[in-house]
Amino acid sequence: MQSQRLFIAIKLPPRALTALGDLINSLLKIPSPSRCVKEESIHITLKFLGDVPNSQISSLSDAIDQATKPSAPFEISCGTNGA
């Protein structure tokens, strides 16, 4: 059975992506075994769903759409990184 690793996430606005991209670029200057994601891949994961069978993706998407329809748009703000 074919499946996909899925998650529910919030896309960030361009301004936030640029700021986070700048932060990532500054972190890349520090020697580290970790790796960073590309700016266009940055998001806020709300829930990791794991492997979902392809046959269930459409109904899952419909359920998420129905669950989020009553939600009003919202704003997220971030402070400093604690430094």
C-alpha atoms as a PDB file:
ATOM      1  CA  MET A   1       0.000   0.000   0.000  1.00  0.00           C
ATOM      2  CA  GLN A   2       1.393   3.409  -1.014  1.00  0.00           C
ATOM      3  CA  SER A   3       1.587   6.076   1.687  1.00  0.00           C
ATOM      4  CA  GLN A   4       2.994   9.540   2.317  1.00  0.00           C
ATOM      5  CA  ARG A   5       4.571  11.050   5.431  1.00  0.00           C
ATOM      6  CA  LEU A   6       2.266  13.951   6.234  1.00  0.00           C
ATOM      7  CA  PHE A   7       1.955  16.747   8.741  1.00  0.00           C
ATOM      8  CA  ILE A   8      -0.360  19.675   9.423  1.00  0.00           C
ATOM      9  CA  ALA A   9       1.526  22.957   9.237  1.00  0.00           C
ATOM     10  CA  ILE A  10       1.217  26.720   9.041  1.00  0.00           C
ATOM     11  CA  LYS A  11       2.868  28.480   6.129  1.00  0.00           C
ATOM     12  CA  LEU A  12       4.737  31.602   7.133  1.00  0.00           C
ATOM     13  CA  PRO A  13       4.462  34.973   5.398  1.00  0.00           C
ATOM     14  CA  PRO A  14       7.338  36.076   3.150  1.00  0.00           C
ATOM     15  CA  ARG A  15       8.652  38.591   5.689  1.00  0.00           C
ATOM     16  CA  ALA A  16       8.971  35.895   8.363  1.00  0.00           C
ATOM     17  CA  LEU A  17      10.614  33.508   5.892  1.00  0.00           C
ATOM     18  CA  THR A  18      13.186  36.151   4.995  1.00  0.00           C
ATOM     19  CA  ALA A  19      13.980  36.846   8.650  1.00  0.00           C
ATOM     20  CA  LEU A  20      14.324  33.149   9.440  1.00  0.00           C
ATOM     21  CA  GLY A  21      16.397  32.633   6.293  1.00  0.00           C
ATOM     22  CA  ASP A  22      18.767  35.361   7.469  1.00  0.00           C
ATOM     23  CA  LEU A  23      19.033  33.666  10.868  1.00  0.00           C
ATOM     24  CA  ILE A  24      19.744  30.313   9.241  1.00  0.00           C
ATOM     25  CA  ASN A  25      22.440  31.867   7.043  1.00  0.00           C
ATOM     26  CA  SER A  26      24.142  33.304  10.124  1.00  0.00           C
ATOM     27  CA  LEU A  27      23.951  29.912  11.866  1.00  0.00           C
ATOM     28  CA  LEU A  28      25.545  28.209   8.868  1.00  0.00           C
ATOM     29  CA  LYS A  29      28.734  30.129   9.652  1.00  0.00           C
ATOM     30  CA  ILE A  30      29.090  28.136  12.887  1.00  0.00           C
ATOM     31  CA  PRO A  31      30.738  24.725  12.392  1.00  0.00           C
ATOM     32  CA  SER A  32      28.123  22.090  13.218  1.00  0.00           C
ATOM     33  CA  PRO A  33      27.129  18.583  12.140  1.00  0.00           C
ATOM     34  CA  SER A  34      23.496  19.723  11.812  1.00  0.00           C
ATOM     35  CA  ARG A  35      21.914  20.829   8.576  1.00  0.00           C
ATOM     36  CA  CYS A  36      19.407  23.584   7.856  1.00  0.00           C
ATOM     37  CA  VAL A  37      16.349  23.618   5.647  1.00  0.00           C
ATOM     38  CA  LYS A  38      15.895  25.892   2.674  1.00  0.00           C
ATOM     39  CA  GLU A  39      14.030  29.118   3.335  1.00  0.00           C
ATOM     40  CA  GLU A  40      11.065  28.065   1.166  1.00  0.00           C
ATOM     41  CA  SER A  41      10.631  24.893   3.257  1.00  0.00           C
ATOM     42  CA  ILE A  42      10.307  26.657   6.616  1.00  0.00           C
ATOM     43  CA  HIS A  43       6.936  26.171   8.315  1.00  0.00           C
ATOM     44  CA  ILE A  44       5.436  25.613  11.757  1.00  0.00           C
ATOM     45  CA  THR A  45       4.411  21.996  12.233  1.00  0.00           C
ATOM     46  CA  LEU A  46       1.255  21.677  14.297  1.00  0.00           C
ATOM     47  CA  LYS A  47       0.917  17.908  14.126  1.00  0.00           C
ATOM     48  CA  PHE A  48       3.008  15.183  12.528  1.00  0.00           C
ATOM     49  CA  LEU A  49       0.655  12.551  11.107  1.00  0.00           C
ATOM     50  CA  GLY A  50       3.237   9.999  10.049  1.00  0.00           C
ATOM     51  CA  ASP A  51       2.675   7.580   7.185  1.00  0.00           C
ATOM     52  CA  VAL A  52      -0.842   8.029   5.792  1.00  0.00           C
ATOM     53  CA  PRO A  53      -2.154   5.608   3.158  1.00  0.00           C
ATOM     54  CA  ASN A  54      -2.794   7.398  -0.142  1.00  0.00           C
ATOM     55  CA  SER A  55      -6.369   6.095  -0.072  1.00  0.00           C
ATOM     56  CA  GLN A  56      -7.059   8.156   3.098  1.00  0.00           C
ATOM     57  CA  ILE A  57      -5.454  11.460   2.076  1.00  0.00           C
ATOM     58  CA  SER A  58      -8.509  12.948   0.369  1.00  0.00           C
ATOM     59  CA  SER A  59     -10.851  12.256   3.297  1.00  0.00           C
ATOM     60  CA  LEU A  60      -8.199  13.467   5.751  1.00  0.00           C
ATOM     61  CA  SER A  61      -7.806  16.701   3.795  1.00  0.00           C
ATOM     62  CA  ASP A  62     -11.598  17.192   3.764  1.00  0.00           C
ATOM     63  CA  ALA A  63     -11.756  16.611   7.541  1.00  0.00           C
ATOM     64  CA  ILE A  64      -8.988  19.156   8.167  1.00  0.00           C
ATOM     65  CA  ASP A  65     -10.752  21.697   5.918  1.00  0.00           C
ATOM     66  CA  GLN A  66     -14.006  21.215   7.859  1.00  0.00           C
ATOM     67  CA  ALA A  67     -12.254  21.441  11.226  1.00  0.00           C
ATOM     68  CA  THR A  68     -10.476  24.682  10.357  1.00  0.00           C
ATOM     69  CA  LYS A  69     -13.324  26.528   8.596  1.00  0.00           C
ATOM     70  CA  PRO A  70     -14.668  28.093  11.808  1.00  0.00           C
ATOM     71  CA  SER A  71     -11.211  29.424  12.700  1.00  0.00           C
ATOM     72  CA  ALA A  72     -10.566  33.094  12.123  1.00  0.00           C
ATOM     73  CA  PRO A  73      -7.225  34.259  10.722  1.00  0.00           C
ATOM     74  CA  PHE A  74      -4.648  34.905  13.411  1.00  0.00           C
ATOM     75  CA  GLU A  75      -1.271  36.523  13.845  1.00  0.00           C
ATOM     76  CA  ILE A  76       1.866  35.019  15.323  1.00  0.00           C
ATOM     77  CA  SER A  77       4.671  37.136  16.662  1.00  0.00           C
ATOM     78  CA  CYS A  78       8.150  36.160  17.707  1.00  0.00           C
ATOM     79  CA  GLY A  79      10.531  37.778  20.095  1.00  0.00           C
ATOM     80  CA  THR A  80      14.284  37.640  20.233  1.00  0.00           C
ATOM     81  CA  ASN A  81      16.207  34.399  20.293  1.00  0.00           C
ATOM     82  CA  GLY A  82      17.157  34.953  23.929  1.00  0.00           C
ATOM     83  CA  ALA A  83      20.664  36.169  23.226  1.00  0.00           C
END
